[in-house]
Structures are given as structure tokens and as C-alpha cells.
């Protein structure tokens, strides 16, 4: 009788051990199983605790991705590795193939997902708005629609943001508001311009930092070959010093707005608009694009030349001339091909 009891007890122990081993093996398989099928950005709100995260992962379709998933296993991971329960809030990029513990470790690290936007030198506010609002990760508030109101909120007397935003590559946290992107670019340009203006060359025909922005925007649009920036700047500075009109096509194009279809006619050059530097004296009323830091530097540190003219050589570079006679010869050579 005792033998039967002992054998029964032994059998139950072996059965329990087998069940425990099977459960442990299942748990290890669960820990090794991928729960992220596709790369995605996952948001963890502030104050989220470990239990709430389970529901969020389930609703996102991640925990169901594991056939052996049970709520007990999820809780067991938290007990076994309590350091993975100290969650951070934010938006996190989850890679395909990650396990639960990899997901938890990434969230606990607090390394929020950031995306980058590169704004090109010489672009306009309208182009910035289109780029910002079409970028994944940006929260569009509509705050960019009223440029004048946005400019006022930034403390500007001008009602346009042209020139005031620094073109470069920025990294932003996911879900950033569109207006916050503009504010960061505005502050970057403001800080650089303040420093650059303080270090400008003496006796420039520029009275304010804003005039420097305007000139820099023209230099930006005229420059196809970066090493020429300082020389192009010298042409405009030399003209301003003697009261000569700037006569630069990019200002005409900007003044035409949506009427510009790729070509400028003689009629366009004669049209009187605030931006037509063939018909107005001095600088146009506002910048015509977003100048980069190199263009601003060139505006404030022009090369020391006696050039008053330049013409495109057709390869992105220019031929510079000191007088009209020399310039006309260059036009015949490079434009008229005579």
C-alpha cells in the first residue's frame, strides 16, 4: 500500500516537474519571440505604468503576434526583470523583429525617435510650409497658414518670414508642432545674424541686419558655385556703393510670384514691382529666399574686387567683368554664342 502511495506521489512529482519544465520552456520561447512585425513609431504617454503598457501593446497588435502569449508571461517578465518596468514617456521607434524585452529596454532607455528635415538654401517660406506639413512626424496645426500672424508672434515688425529661417538639417522629436519647427529655425537664424552683423566688414552699404538678410538672399539665389559667393557679393556691394541698380533676375522672378513660368521677358524686366531691381533703386523690400549662413557671411564679407557685372557661363559658374564693354563681350560669348 505504501509502495503504491509512494509511486503515485513520485508520478505526481514527475508530472509537476514536467509541467514546470514545459512552462519554463514556453516562457523562454515567449521571451525570445518577436512581437514587432513591422518598423513603427510607438507612443508612450506620460504616466504610463507597466500594466497599462500591456494593454497598449495588445491594442497595437504586438502581443498577439506571439502565439504562446499569456498575460502571466508578460507579468513574469516584469517580475524577473524589474528594471524593465521603469517606463519613460515619448515616441519610440520599434524595429521589426524585436522581442518584448527589447521593446521594454528601448522604452526604458528614454531614447525618443527623432526624424530629420533638411531645408535647402534659397527656398521660400511657401516651400518650407509645404515641406513641413507633408513630413511624417509633424503635427499640423494650421499655424503656418497666416504668415503675418506667425511673424508677429515671433516679434517681427515685418509681416513676412522670408529670410528669417535658417536652412540646414534639423532633428525633431516625433509629433512636434509645425510652428515649433519654424521657431527653432527662426532662433537659429536670429542668433547667427546677430553674431555675423557684429563681425561685419567696415563701411558696407548696409544699414541694418535686415538689409544684410535681403542681400544675402539675392546672393543665395545667384550662386550656383559656392566659391563664387564672396565675388558675387562684391558685385552687388560695388553697385550699391556707386548708386547703380542691382539688376538681378531672381528679384524679378520673386516679384512675379505664380506668374513666373520659367522664363523672363523684356516686358517682365520693365514691369514696375517692388522687387524688380531693374526698375527700383537699391534693395528690394524683403529677402527673396532663405539664405544660408555662407550667403550671410558673403554679404557681410564681400571679396575685394572692382567687378560690376557677371554672366553665367552655363556650367553653374560666372564670368565677372569690371565694365560694360567687357560684360557685353562675355554675354556674346556665353549667352549669344557669337
C-alpha atoms as a PDB file:
ATOM      1  CA  UNK A   1       0.000   0.000   0.000  1.00  0.00           C
ATOM      2  CA  UNK A   2       2.782   2.393   0.965  1.00  0.00           C
ATOM      3  CA  UNK A   3       4.576   1.481  -2.218  1.00  0.00           C
ATOM      4  CA  UNK A   4       1.550   2.459  -4.294  1.00  0.00           C
ATOM      5  CA  UNK A   5       1.253   5.751  -2.437  1.00  0.00           C
ATOM      6  CA  UNK A   6       4.939   6.442  -2.956  1.00  0.00           C
ATOM      7  CA  UNK A   7       4.748   5.622  -6.649  1.00  0.00           C
ATOM      8  CA  UNK A   8       1.673   7.818  -7.047  1.00  0.00           C
ATOM      9  CA  UNK A   9       3.435  10.645  -5.232  1.00  0.00           C
ATOM     10  CA  UNK A  10       6.536  10.175  -7.371  1.00  0.00           C
ATOM     11  CA  UNK A  11       4.421  10.190 -10.502  1.00  0.00           C
ATOM     12  CA  UNK A  12       2.737  13.433  -9.437  1.00  0.00           C
ATOM     13  CA  UNK A  13       6.107  14.990  -8.681  1.00  0.00           C
ATOM     14  CA  UNK A  14       7.450  13.970 -12.060  1.00  0.00           C
ATOM     15  CA  UNK A  15       4.296  15.260 -13.699  1.00  0.00           C
ATOM     16  CA  UNK A  16       4.601  18.566 -11.856  1.00  0.00           C
ATOM     17  CA  UNK A  17       8.279  18.794 -12.778  1.00  0.00           C
ATOM     18  CA  UNK A  18       7.477  18.079 -16.399  1.00  0.00           C
ATOM     19  CA  UNK A  19       4.727  20.685 -16.353  1.00  0.00           C
ATOM     20  CA  UNK A  20       7.044  23.195 -14.707  1.00  0.00           C
ATOM     21  CA  UNK A  21       9.780  22.472 -17.239  1.00  0.00           C
ATOM     22  CA  UNK A  22       7.298  22.791 -20.093  1.00  0.00           C
ATOM     23  CA  UNK A  23       6.003  26.079 -18.693  1.00  0.00           C
ATOM     24  CA  UNK A  24       9.542  27.370 -18.215  1.00  0.00           C
ATOM     25  CA  UNK A  25      10.448  26.352 -21.752  1.00  0.00           C
ATOM     26  CA  UNK A  26       7.336  28.081 -23.053  1.00  0.00           C
ATOM     27  CA  UNK A  27       8.285  31.173 -21.075  1.00  0.00           C
ATOM     28  CA  UNK A  28      11.780  31.174 -22.588  1.00  0.00           C
ATOM     29  CA  UNK A  29      10.285  30.754 -26.058  1.00  0.00           C
ATOM     30  CA  UNK A  30       7.972  33.663 -25.312  1.00  0.00           C
ATOM     31  CA  UNK A  31      10.901  35.836 -24.250  1.00  0.00           C
ATOM     32  CA  UNK A  32      12.736  35.013 -27.478  1.00  0.00           C
ATOM     33  CA  UNK A  33       9.733  35.551 -29.759  1.00  0.00           C
ATOM     34  CA  UNK A  34       9.484  38.714 -31.876  1.00  0.00           C
ATOM     35  CA  UNK A  35       6.462  40.884 -31.093  1.00  0.00           C
ATOM     36  CA  UNK A  36       7.204  43.671 -33.605  1.00  0.00           C
ATOM     37  CA  UNK A  37       6.322  42.624 -37.143  1.00  0.00           C
ATOM     38  CA  UNK A  38       6.974  45.938 -38.898  1.00  0.00           C
ATOM     39  CA  UNK A  39       9.038  49.005 -38.037  1.00  0.00           C
ATOM     40  CA  UNK A  40       6.824  51.570 -36.348  1.00  0.00           C
ATOM     41  CA  UNK A  41       6.702  54.570 -34.044  1.00  0.00           C
ATOM     42  CA  UNK A  42       5.036  53.736 -30.728  1.00  0.00           C
ATOM     43  CA  UNK A  43       3.812  56.432 -28.349  1.00  0.00           C
ATOM     44  CA  UNK A  44       4.016  56.013 -24.575  1.00  0.00           C
ATOM     45  CA  UNK A  45       2.023  58.759 -22.804  1.00  0.00           C
ATOM     46  CA  UNK A  46       3.344  60.356 -19.645  1.00  0.00           C
ATOM     47  CA  UNK A  47       2.455  58.358 -16.517  1.00  0.00           C
ATOM     48  CA  UNK A  48       2.041  55.013 -18.289  1.00  0.00           C
ATOM     49  CA  UNK A  49       2.773  52.092 -15.956  1.00  0.00           C
ATOM     50  CA  UNK A  50       3.790  48.544 -16.797  1.00  0.00           C
ATOM     51  CA  UNK A  51       0.281  47.098 -16.609  1.00  0.00           C
ATOM     52  CA  UNK A  52      -1.127  49.785 -18.915  1.00  0.00           C
ATOM     53  CA  UNK A  53       1.621  49.151 -21.429  1.00  0.00           C
ATOM     54  CA  UNK A  54       0.446  45.555 -21.820  1.00  0.00           C
ATOM     55  CA  UNK A  55      -2.954  46.786 -22.958  1.00  0.00           C
ATOM     56  CA  UNK A  56      -1.369  49.316 -25.317  1.00  0.00           C
ATOM     57  CA  UNK A  57       0.887  46.691 -26.882  1.00  0.00           C
ATOM     58  CA  UNK A  58      -2.091  44.370 -27.266  1.00  0.00           C
ATOM     59  CA  UNK A  59      -4.174  47.082 -28.931  1.00  0.00           C
ATOM     60  CA  UNK A  60      -1.251  47.804 -31.256  1.00  0.00           C
ATOM     61  CA  UNK A  61      -1.329  44.150 -32.324  1.00  0.00           C
ATOM     62  CA  UNK A  62       2.090  43.286 -30.956  1.00  0.00           C
ATOM     63  CA  UNK A  63       1.445  40.828 -28.144  1.00  0.00           C
ATOM     64  CA  UNK A  64      -0.990  38.821 -30.261  1.00  0.00           C
ATOM     65  CA  UNK A  65       1.892  38.384 -32.668  1.00  0.00           C
ATOM     66  CA  UNK A  66       3.254  35.797 -30.240  1.00  0.00           C
ATOM     67  CA  UNK A  67       1.227  32.524 -30.415  1.00  0.00           C
ATOM     68  CA  UNK A  68       2.315  31.494 -26.928  1.00  0.00           C
ATOM     69  CA  UNK A  69       1.436  34.813 -25.316  1.00  0.00           C
ATOM     70  CA  UNK A  70      -0.396  34.799 -21.995  1.00  0.00           C
ATOM     71  CA  UNK A  71      -0.824  37.714 -19.554  1.00  0.00           C
ATOM     72  CA  UNK A  72       1.049  35.628 -16.973  1.00  0.00           C
ATOM     73  CA  UNK A  73       4.176  35.599 -19.110  1.00  0.00           C
ATOM     74  CA  UNK A  74       4.028  39.406 -19.526  1.00  0.00           C
ATOM     75  CA  UNK A  75       3.774  39.825 -15.752  1.00  0.00           C
ATOM     76  CA  UNK A  76       6.580  37.295 -15.251  1.00  0.00           C
ATOM     77  CA  UNK A  77       8.932  39.371 -17.400  1.00  0.00           C
ATOM     78  CA  UNK A  78       8.255  42.340 -15.130  1.00  0.00           C
ATOM     79  CA  UNK A  79       8.965  40.237 -12.032  1.00  0.00           C
ATOM     80  CA  UNK A  80      12.096  38.674 -13.491  1.00  0.00           C
ATOM     81  CA  UNK A  81      13.478  41.969 -14.795  1.00  0.00           C
ATOM     82  CA  UNK A  82      12.007  44.804 -12.703  1.00  0.00           C
ATOM     83  CA  UNK A  83      14.351  47.324 -14.309  1.00  0.00           C
ATOM     84  CA  UNK A  84      12.276  46.970 -17.499  1.00  0.00           C
ATOM     85  CA  UNK A  85       9.166  48.291 -15.756  1.00  0.00           C
ATOM     86  CA  UNK A  86      10.577  51.810 -15.211  1.00  0.00           C
ATOM     87  CA  UNK A  87       8.971  53.226 -18.315  1.00  0.00           C
ATOM     88  CA  UNK A  88       9.743  56.574 -19.956  1.00  0.00           C
ATOM     89  CA  UNK A  89       7.210  58.578 -21.931  1.00  0.00           C
ATOM     90  CA  UNK A  90       7.683  59.664 -25.526  1.00  0.00           C
ATOM     91  CA  UNK A  91       7.622  58.373 -29.085  1.00  0.00           C
ATOM     92  CA  UNK A  92       9.851  55.378 -29.708  1.00  0.00           C
ATOM     93  CA  UNK A  93      10.893  53.768 -32.960  1.00  0.00           C
ATOM     94  CA  UNK A  94      10.459  49.989 -32.708  1.00  0.00           C
ATOM     95  CA  UNK A  95      12.374  47.796 -35.136  1.00  0.00           C
ATOM     96  CA  UNK A  96      10.853  44.764 -36.837  1.00  0.00           C
ATOM     97  CA  UNK A  97      11.872  41.532 -35.113  1.00  0.00           C
ATOM     98  CA  UNK A  98      12.243  42.993 -31.631  1.00  0.00           C
ATOM     99  CA  UNK A  99      11.214  40.890 -28.630  1.00  0.00           C
ATOM    100  CA  UNK A 100       9.169  42.209 -25.710  1.00  0.00           C
ATOM    101  CA  UNK A 101      12.296  42.723 -23.627  1.00  0.00           C
ATOM    102  CA  UNK A 102      13.992  44.642 -26.434  1.00  0.00           C
ATOM    103  CA  UNK A 103      10.924  46.867 -26.719  1.00  0.00           C
ATOM    104  CA  UNK A 104      10.855  47.438 -22.966  1.00  0.00           C
ATOM    105  CA  UNK A 105      14.593  48.147 -22.809  1.00  0.00           C
ATOM    106  CA  UNK A 106      14.266  50.735 -25.581  1.00  0.00           C
ATOM    107  CA  UNK A 107      11.357  52.474 -23.857  1.00  0.00           C
ATOM    108  CA  UNK A 108      13.162  52.450 -20.508  1.00  0.00           C
ATOM    109  CA  UNK A 109      16.240  53.997 -22.183  1.00  0.00           C
ATOM    110  CA  UNK A 110      14.194  57.103 -22.991  1.00  0.00           C
ATOM    111  CA  UNK A 111      15.763  57.372 -26.462  1.00  0.00           C
ATOM    112  CA  UNK A 112      12.917  59.060 -28.269  1.00  0.00           C
ATOM    113  CA  UNK A 113      12.594  58.727 -32.014  1.00  0.00           C
ATOM    114  CA  UNK A 114      13.767  61.757 -33.940  1.00  0.00           C
ATOM    115  CA  UNK A 115      13.328  62.457 -37.618  1.00  0.00           C
ATOM    116  CA  UNK A 116      15.273  64.895 -39.737  1.00  0.00           C
ATOM    117  CA  UNK A 117      14.238  67.608 -42.142  1.00  0.00           C
ATOM    118  CA  UNK A 118      16.693  69.268 -44.497  1.00  0.00           C
ATOM    119  CA  UNK A 119      15.729  72.732 -45.681  1.00  0.00           C
ATOM    120  CA  UNK A 120      17.590  73.823 -48.798  1.00  0.00           C
ATOM    121  CA  UNK A 121      19.315  77.186 -49.072  1.00  0.00           C
ATOM    122  CA  UNK A 122      17.398  79.542 -51.330  1.00  0.00           C
ATOM    123  CA  UNK A 123      13.977  78.024 -50.636  1.00  0.00           C
ATOM    124  CA  UNK A 124      10.970  80.203 -49.816  1.00  0.00           C
ATOM    125  CA  UNK A 125       8.505  80.296 -46.937  1.00  0.00           C
ATOM    126  CA  UNK A 126       5.815  78.659 -49.074  1.00  0.00           C
ATOM    127  CA  UNK A 127       8.185  75.811 -49.892  1.00  0.00           C
ATOM    128  CA  UNK A 128       9.033  75.434 -46.204  1.00  0.00           C
ATOM    129  CA  UNK A 129       5.366  75.248 -45.299  1.00  0.00           C
ATOM    130  CA  UNK A 130       4.697  72.574 -47.912  1.00  0.00           C
ATOM    131  CA  UNK A 131       7.710  70.542 -46.789  1.00  0.00           C
ATOM    132  CA  UNK A 132       6.881  70.786 -43.091  1.00  0.00           C
ATOM    133  CA  UNK A 133       3.212  69.896 -43.478  1.00  0.00           C
ATOM    134  CA  UNK A 134       3.974  66.888 -45.707  1.00  0.00           C
ATOM    135  CA  UNK A 135       6.592  65.385 -43.366  1.00  0.00           C
ATOM    136  CA  UNK A 136       5.616  62.327 -41.326  1.00  0.00           C
ATOM    137  CA  UNK A 137       6.007  63.043 -37.627  1.00  0.00           C
ATOM    138  CA  UNK A 138       4.884  66.671 -37.773  1.00  0.00           C
ATOM    139  CA  UNK A 139       1.673  67.722 -36.051  1.00  0.00           C
ATOM    140  CA  UNK A 140      -0.008  70.156 -38.433  1.00  0.00           C
ATOM    141  CA  UNK A 141      -1.840  72.877 -36.505  1.00  0.00           C
ATOM    142  CA  UNK A 142      -2.605  75.268 -39.346  1.00  0.00           C
ATOM    143  CA  UNK A 143      -0.376  77.820 -37.637  1.00  0.00           C
ATOM    144  CA  UNK A 144       1.741  78.278 -40.755  1.00  0.00           C
ATOM    145  CA  UNK A 145      -1.177  79.458 -42.890  1.00  0.00           C
ATOM    146  CA  UNK A 146      -1.121  83.024 -41.586  1.00  0.00           C
ATOM    147  CA  UNK A 147       2.462  84.095 -42.215  1.00  0.00           C
ATOM    148  CA  UNK A 148       1.884  87.641 -40.962  1.00  0.00           C
ATOM    149  CA  UNK A 149       0.414  86.460 -37.651  1.00  0.00           C
ATOM    150  CA  UNK A 150       3.261  83.993 -37.167  1.00  0.00           C
ATOM    151  CA  UNK A 151       5.823  86.718 -37.890  1.00  0.00           C
ATOM    152  CA  UNK A 152       4.142  88.966 -35.326  1.00  0.00           C
ATOM    153  CA  UNK A 153       4.194  86.179 -32.720  1.00  0.00           C
ATOM    154  CA  UNK A 154       7.951  85.950 -33.250  1.00  0.00           C
ATOM    155  CA  UNK A 155       8.330  89.649 -32.506  1.00  0.00           C
ATOM    156  CA  UNK A 156       8.964  90.825 -36.063  1.00  0.00           C
ATOM    157  CA  UNK A 157       7.907  94.181 -37.447  1.00  0.00           C
ATOM    158  CA  UNK A 158       7.833  92.635 -40.911  1.00  0.00           C
ATOM    159  CA  UNK A 159       4.799  90.609 -41.972  1.00  0.00           C
ATOM    160  CA  UNK A 160       6.873  88.070 -43.918  1.00  0.00           C
ATOM    161  CA  UNK A 161       9.206  85.332 -42.707  1.00  0.00           C
ATOM    162  CA  UNK A 162      11.252  85.207 -45.900  1.00  0.00           C
ATOM    163  CA  UNK A 163      14.920  85.212 -44.949  1.00  0.00           C
ATOM    164  CA  UNK A 164      14.330  84.788 -41.219  1.00  0.00           C
ATOM    165  CA  UNK A 165      14.512  80.959 -41.133  1.00  0.00           C
ATOM    166  CA  UNK A 166      17.884  79.237 -41.279  1.00  0.00           C
ATOM    167  CA  UNK A 167      18.104  76.476 -43.895  1.00  0.00           C
ATOM    168  CA  UNK A 168      20.008  73.439 -42.629  1.00  0.00           C
ATOM    169  CA  UNK A 169      19.329  69.891 -41.402  1.00  0.00           C
ATOM    170  CA  UNK A 170      17.321  69.668 -38.180  1.00  0.00           C
ATOM    171  CA  UNK A 171      16.368  66.720 -35.977  1.00  0.00           C
ATOM    172  CA  UNK A 172      12.992  66.815 -34.255  1.00  0.00           C
ATOM    173  CA  UNK A 173      11.051  64.640 -31.829  1.00  0.00           C
ATOM    174  CA  UNK A 174       8.071  62.828 -33.324  1.00  0.00           C
ATOM    175  CA  UNK A 175       4.775  64.765 -33.069  1.00  0.00           C
ATOM    176  CA  UNK A 176       6.478  68.173 -32.962  1.00  0.00           C
ATOM    177  CA  UNK A 177       4.156  71.026 -33.944  1.00  0.00           C
ATOM    178  CA  UNK A 178       4.722  72.748 -37.264  1.00  0.00           C
ATOM    179  CA  UNK A 179       5.072  76.166 -35.618  1.00  0.00           C
ATOM    180  CA  UNK A 180       7.776  74.835 -33.272  1.00  0.00           C
ATOM    181  CA  UNK A 181       9.876  73.829 -36.277  1.00  0.00           C
ATOM    182  CA  UNK A 182       9.624  77.373 -37.609  1.00  0.00           C
ATOM    183  CA  UNK A 183      10.503  78.831 -34.205  1.00  0.00           C
ATOM    184  CA  UNK A 184      13.653  76.745 -33.969  1.00  0.00           C
ATOM    185  CA  UNK A 185      14.810  77.753 -37.453  1.00  0.00           C
ATOM    186  CA  UNK A 186      13.960  81.380 -36.669  1.00  0.00           C
ATOM    187  CA  UNK A 187      16.038  81.374 -33.485  1.00  0.00           C
ATOM    188  CA  UNK A 188      18.968  79.744 -35.285  1.00  0.00           C
ATOM    189  CA  UNK A 189      18.941  82.442 -37.975  1.00  0.00           C
ATOM    190  CA  UNK A 190      18.479  85.249 -35.445  1.00  0.00           C
ATOM    191  CA  UNK A 191      21.416  84.089 -33.333  1.00  0.00           C
ATOM    192  CA  UNK A 192      23.719  83.681 -36.319  1.00  0.00           C
ATOM    193  CA  UNK A 193      22.744  87.013 -37.872  1.00  0.00           C
ATOM    194  CA  UNK A 194      23.354  88.848 -34.603  1.00  0.00           C
ATOM    195  CA  UNK A 195      26.872  87.468 -34.349  1.00  0.00           C
ATOM    196  CA  UNK A 196      27.640  87.910 -38.053  1.00  0.00           C
ATOM    197  CA  UNK A 197      26.427  91.526 -38.054  1.00  0.00           C
ATOM    198  CA  UNK A 198      28.667  92.355 -35.102  1.00  0.00           C
ATOM    199  CA  UNK A 199      31.667  90.968 -37.029  1.00  0.00           C
ATOM    200  CA  UNK A 200      30.837  92.537 -40.436  1.00  0.00           C
ATOM    201  CA  UNK A 201      33.374  94.332 -42.608  1.00  0.00           C
ATOM    202  CA  UNK A 202      33.550  98.096 -42.088  1.00  0.00           C
ATOM    203  CA  UNK A 203      31.979 100.636 -44.465  1.00  0.00           C
ATOM    204  CA  UNK A 204      29.450  98.307 -46.057  1.00  0.00           C
ATOM    205  CA  UNK A 205      26.485  99.995 -47.785  1.00  0.00           C
ATOM    206  CA  UNK A 206      24.144  98.149 -45.420  1.00  0.00           C
ATOM    207  CA  UNK A 207      22.461  99.935 -42.544  1.00  0.00           C
ATOM    208  CA  UNK A 208      20.676  97.120 -40.722  1.00  0.00           C
ATOM    209  CA  UNK A 209      20.927  93.349 -40.213  1.00  0.00           C
ATOM    210  CA  UNK A 210      17.681  93.070 -42.184  1.00  0.00           C
ATOM    211  CA  UNK A 211      19.335  94.664 -45.214  1.00  0.00           C
ATOM    212  CA  UNK A 212      22.104  92.092 -44.831  1.00  0.00           C
ATOM    213  CA  UNK A 213      19.461  89.339 -44.952  1.00  0.00           C
ATOM    214  CA  UNK A 214      17.975  90.836 -48.109  1.00  0.00           C
ATOM    215  CA  UNK A 215      21.347  91.000 -49.843  1.00  0.00           C
ATOM    216  CA  UNK A 216      22.257  87.508 -48.631  1.00  0.00           C
ATOM    217  CA  UNK A 217      19.054  86.109 -50.122  1.00  0.00           C
ATOM    218  CA  UNK A 218      19.954  87.593 -53.512  1.00  0.00           C
ATOM    219  CA  UNK A 219      23.474  86.181 -53.284  1.00  0.00           C
ATOM    220  CA  UNK A 220      21.990  82.784 -52.387  1.00  0.00           C
ATOM    221  CA  UNK A 221      19.759  82.749 -55.468  1.00  0.00           C
ATOM    222  CA  UNK A 222      22.529  83.938 -57.800  1.00  0.00           C
ATOM    223  CA  UNK A 223      25.171  81.481 -56.573  1.00  0.00           C
ATOM    224  CA  UNK A 224      25.497  78.182 -58.385  1.00  0.00           C
ATOM    225  CA  UNK A 225      29.142  77.639 -57.464  1.00  0.00           C
ATOM    226  CA  UNK A 226      29.848  78.071 -53.750  1.00  0.00           C
ATOM    227  CA  UNK A 227      33.378  79.553 -54.079  1.00  0.00           C
ATOM    228  CA  UNK A 228      31.867  82.473 -56.032  1.00  0.00           C
ATOM    229  CA  UNK A 229      29.644  83.738 -53.217  1.00  0.00           C
ATOM    230  CA  UNK A 230      32.091  86.370 -51.979  1.00  0.00           C
ATOM    231  CA  UNK A 231      32.727  87.604 -55.525  1.00  0.00           C
ATOM    232  CA  UNK A 232      29.026  87.801 -56.368  1.00  0.00           C
ATOM    233  CA  UNK A 233      28.559  89.722 -53.136  1.00  0.00           C
ATOM    234  CA  UNK A 234      31.271  92.163 -54.213  1.00  0.00           C
ATOM    235  CA  UNK A 235      29.412  92.932 -57.456  1.00  0.00           C
ATOM    236  CA  UNK A 236      26.246  93.945 -55.606  1.00  0.00           C
ATOM    237  CA  UNK A 237      28.156  95.835 -52.908  1.00  0.00           C
ATOM    238  CA  UNK A 238      30.153  97.721 -55.557  1.00  0.00           C
ATOM    239  CA  UNK A 239      26.929  98.662 -57.344  1.00  0.00           C
ATOM    240  CA  UNK A 240      25.272  99.841 -54.143  1.00  0.00           C
ATOM    241  CA  UNK A 241      28.284 101.997 -53.309  1.00  0.00           C
ATOM    242  CA  UNK A 242      28.009 103.963 -56.553  1.00  0.00           C
ATOM    243  CA  UNK A 243      24.205 104.055 -56.654  1.00  0.00           C
ATOM    244  CA  UNK A 244      23.902 101.565 -59.505  1.00  0.00           C
ATOM    245  CA  UNK A 245      20.805  99.373 -59.743  1.00  0.00           C
ATOM    246  CA  UNK A 246      21.311  95.738 -58.807  1.00  0.00           C
ATOM    247  CA  UNK A 247      19.560  94.387 -61.930  1.00  0.00           C
ATOM    248  CA  UNK A 248      19.313  90.798 -60.737  1.00  0.00           C
ATOM    249  CA  UNK A 249      16.834  88.357 -62.271  1.00  0.00           C
ATOM    250  CA  UNK A 250      15.924  86.399 -59.087  1.00  0.00           C
ATOM    251  CA  UNK A 251      14.291  89.520 -57.620  1.00  0.00           C
ATOM    252  CA  UNK A 252      12.168  89.886 -60.755  1.00  0.00           C
ATOM    253  CA  UNK A 253      11.117  86.241 -60.528  1.00  0.00           C
ATOM    254  CA  UNK A 254      10.175  86.628 -56.868  1.00  0.00           C
ATOM    255  CA  UNK A 255       8.105  89.715 -57.658  1.00  0.00           C
ATOM    256  CA  UNK A 256       6.252  87.838 -60.400  1.00  0.00           C
ATOM    257  CA  UNK A 257       5.116  85.184 -57.947  1.00  0.00           C
ATOM    258  CA  UNK A 258       2.949  82.493 -59.504  1.00  0.00           C
ATOM    259  CA  UNK A 259       3.038  84.307 -62.851  1.00  0.00           C
ATOM    260  CA  UNK A 260       6.580  83.083 -63.359  1.00  0.00           C
ATOM    261  CA  UNK A 261       6.524  80.025 -65.641  1.00  0.00           C
ATOM    262  CA  UNK A 262      10.229  79.531 -66.250  1.00  0.00           C
ATOM    263  CA  UNK A 263      11.121  82.461 -68.485  1.00  0.00           C
ATOM    264  CA  UNK A 264      11.598  86.212 -68.063  1.00  0.00           C
ATOM    265  CA  UNK A 265      10.597  88.511 -70.919  1.00  0.00           C
ATOM    266  CA  UNK A 266      11.683  92.084 -71.667  1.00  0.00           C
ATOM    267  CA  UNK A 267       8.230  93.141 -70.525  1.00  0.00           C
ATOM    268  CA  UNK A 268       8.863  91.471 -67.157  1.00  0.00           C
ATOM    269  CA  UNK A 269      12.149  93.358 -66.793  1.00  0.00           C
ATOM    270  CA  UNK A 270      10.378  96.671 -67.427  1.00  0.00           C
ATOM    271  CA  UNK A 271       7.447  95.975 -65.126  1.00  0.00           C
ATOM    272  CA  UNK A 272       7.437  98.158 -62.045  1.00  0.00           C
ATOM    273  CA  UNK A 273       7.121  95.964 -58.970  1.00  0.00           C
ATOM    274  CA  UNK A 274       8.658  96.473 -55.506  1.00  0.00           C
ATOM    275  CA  UNK A 275      11.023  93.582 -56.270  1.00  0.00           C
ATOM    276  CA  UNK A 276      12.151  94.468 -59.797  1.00  0.00           C
ATOM    277  CA  UNK A 277      15.737  95.617 -59.263  1.00  0.00           C
ATOM    278  CA  UNK A 278      15.856  96.684 -62.918  1.00  0.00           C
ATOM    279  CA  UNK A 279      13.345  99.442 -62.129  1.00  0.00           C
ATOM    280  CA  UNK A 280      13.962 100.223 -58.431  1.00  0.00           C
ATOM    281  CA  UNK A 281      16.997 101.654 -56.707  1.00  0.00           C
ATOM    282  CA  UNK A 282      18.754  99.704 -54.003  1.00  0.00           C
ATOM    283  CA  UNK A 283      17.499  96.547 -52.350  1.00  0.00           C
ATOM    284  CA  UNK A 284      14.008  95.051 -52.647  1.00  0.00           C
ATOM    285  CA  UNK A 285      11.752  95.483 -49.585  1.00  0.00           C
ATOM    286  CA  UNK A 286      12.237  91.946 -48.215  1.00  0.00           C
ATOM    287  CA  UNK A 287      14.501  88.931 -48.701  1.00  0.00           C
ATOM    288  CA  UNK A 288      13.532  86.787 -51.674  1.00  0.00           C
ATOM    289  CA  UNK A 289      14.534  83.445 -50.123  1.00  0.00           C
ATOM    290  CA  UNK A 290      16.043  81.808 -47.055  1.00  0.00           C
ATOM    291  CA  UNK A 291      19.801  82.473 -47.163  1.00  0.00           C
ATOM    292  CA  UNK A 292      22.166  80.035 -45.516  1.00  0.00           C
ATOM    293  CA  UNK A 293      24.965  81.057 -43.190  1.00  0.00           C
ATOM    294  CA  UNK A 294      27.509  81.093 -46.034  1.00  0.00           C
ATOM    295  CA  UNK A 295      25.439  83.584 -48.026  1.00  0.00           C
ATOM    296  CA  UNK A 296      25.033  85.812 -44.961  1.00  0.00           C
ATOM    297  CA  UNK A 297      28.778  85.658 -44.381  1.00  0.00           C
ATOM    298  CA  UNK A 298      29.390  86.612 -48.022  1.00  0.00           C
ATOM    299  CA  UNK A 299      27.015  89.577 -47.757  1.00  0.00           C
ATOM    300  CA  UNK A 300      28.925  90.887 -44.746  1.00  0.00           C
ATOM    301  CA  UNK A 301      32.401  89.987 -46.044  1.00  0.00           C
ATOM    302  CA  UNK A 302      32.432  90.592 -49.819  1.00  0.00           C
ATOM    303  CA  UNK A 303      35.573  89.949 -51.819  1.00  0.00           C
ATOM    304  CA  UNK A 304      37.704  92.989 -52.594  1.00  0.00           C
ATOM    305  CA  UNK A 305      37.102  93.407 -56.338  1.00  0.00           C
ATOM    306  CA  UNK A 306      36.265  96.050 -58.919  1.00  0.00           C
ATOM    307  CA  UNK A 307      33.631  93.892 -60.614  1.00  0.00           C
ATOM    308  CA  UNK A 308      30.257  95.366 -61.528  1.00  0.00           C
ATOM    309  CA  UNK A 309      28.890  92.645 -63.814  1.00  0.00           C
ATOM    310  CA  UNK A 310      28.694  88.887 -64.115  1.00  0.00           C
ATOM    311  CA  UNK A 311      27.173  86.472 -66.600  1.00  0.00           C
ATOM    312  CA  UNK A 312      26.504  82.755 -66.403  1.00  0.00           C
ATOM    313  CA  UNK A 313      28.982  80.537 -68.224  1.00  0.00           C
ATOM    314  CA  UNK A 314      26.377  77.778 -68.464  1.00  0.00           C
ATOM    315  CA  UNK A 315      28.156  75.414 -66.084  1.00  0.00           C
ATOM    316  CA  UNK A 316      26.997  76.883 -62.786  1.00  0.00           C
ATOM    317  CA  UNK A 317      29.870  79.358 -62.723  1.00  0.00           C
ATOM    318  CA  UNK A 318      30.062  83.016 -63.802  1.00  0.00           C
ATOM    319  CA  UNK A 319      32.320  85.319 -65.739  1.00  0.00           C
ATOM    320  CA  UNK A 320      32.925  88.591 -63.915  1.00  0.00           C
ATOM    321  CA  UNK A 321      33.582  91.940 -65.598  1.00  0.00           C
ATOM    322  CA  UNK A 322      34.747  95.365 -64.449  1.00  0.00           C
ATOM    323  CA  UNK A 323      32.933  97.395 -67.101  1.00  0.00           C
ATOM    324  CA  UNK A 324      30.008  97.190 -69.512  1.00  0.00           C
ATOM    325  CA  UNK A 325      32.183  96.734 -72.599  1.00  0.00           C
ATOM    326  CA  UNK A 326      33.860  93.679 -71.111  1.00  0.00           C
ATOM    327  CA  UNK A 327      30.491  92.385 -69.890  1.00  0.00           C
ATOM    328  CA  UNK A 328      28.936  92.672 -73.351  1.00  0.00           C
ATOM    329  CA  UNK A 329      31.774  90.606 -74.808  1.00  0.00           C
ATOM    330  CA  UNK A 330      31.122  87.943 -72.172  1.00  0.00           C
ATOM    331  CA  UNK A 331      27.392  87.971 -72.971  1.00  0.00           C
ATOM    332  CA  UNK A 332      28.138  87.421 -76.657  1.00  0.00           C
ATOM    333  CA  UNK A 333      30.474  84.554 -75.799  1.00  0.00           C
ATOM    334  CA  UNK A 334      28.458  82.720 -73.174  1.00  0.00           C
ATOM    335  CA  UNK A 335      24.842  83.664 -73.901  1.00  0.00           C
ATOM    336  CA  UNK A 336      24.628  84.555 -77.582  1.00  0.00           C
ATOM    337  CA  UNK A 337      27.429  82.107 -78.531  1.00  0.00           C
ATOM    338  CA  UNK A 338      28.963  84.514 -81.019  1.00  0.00           C
END
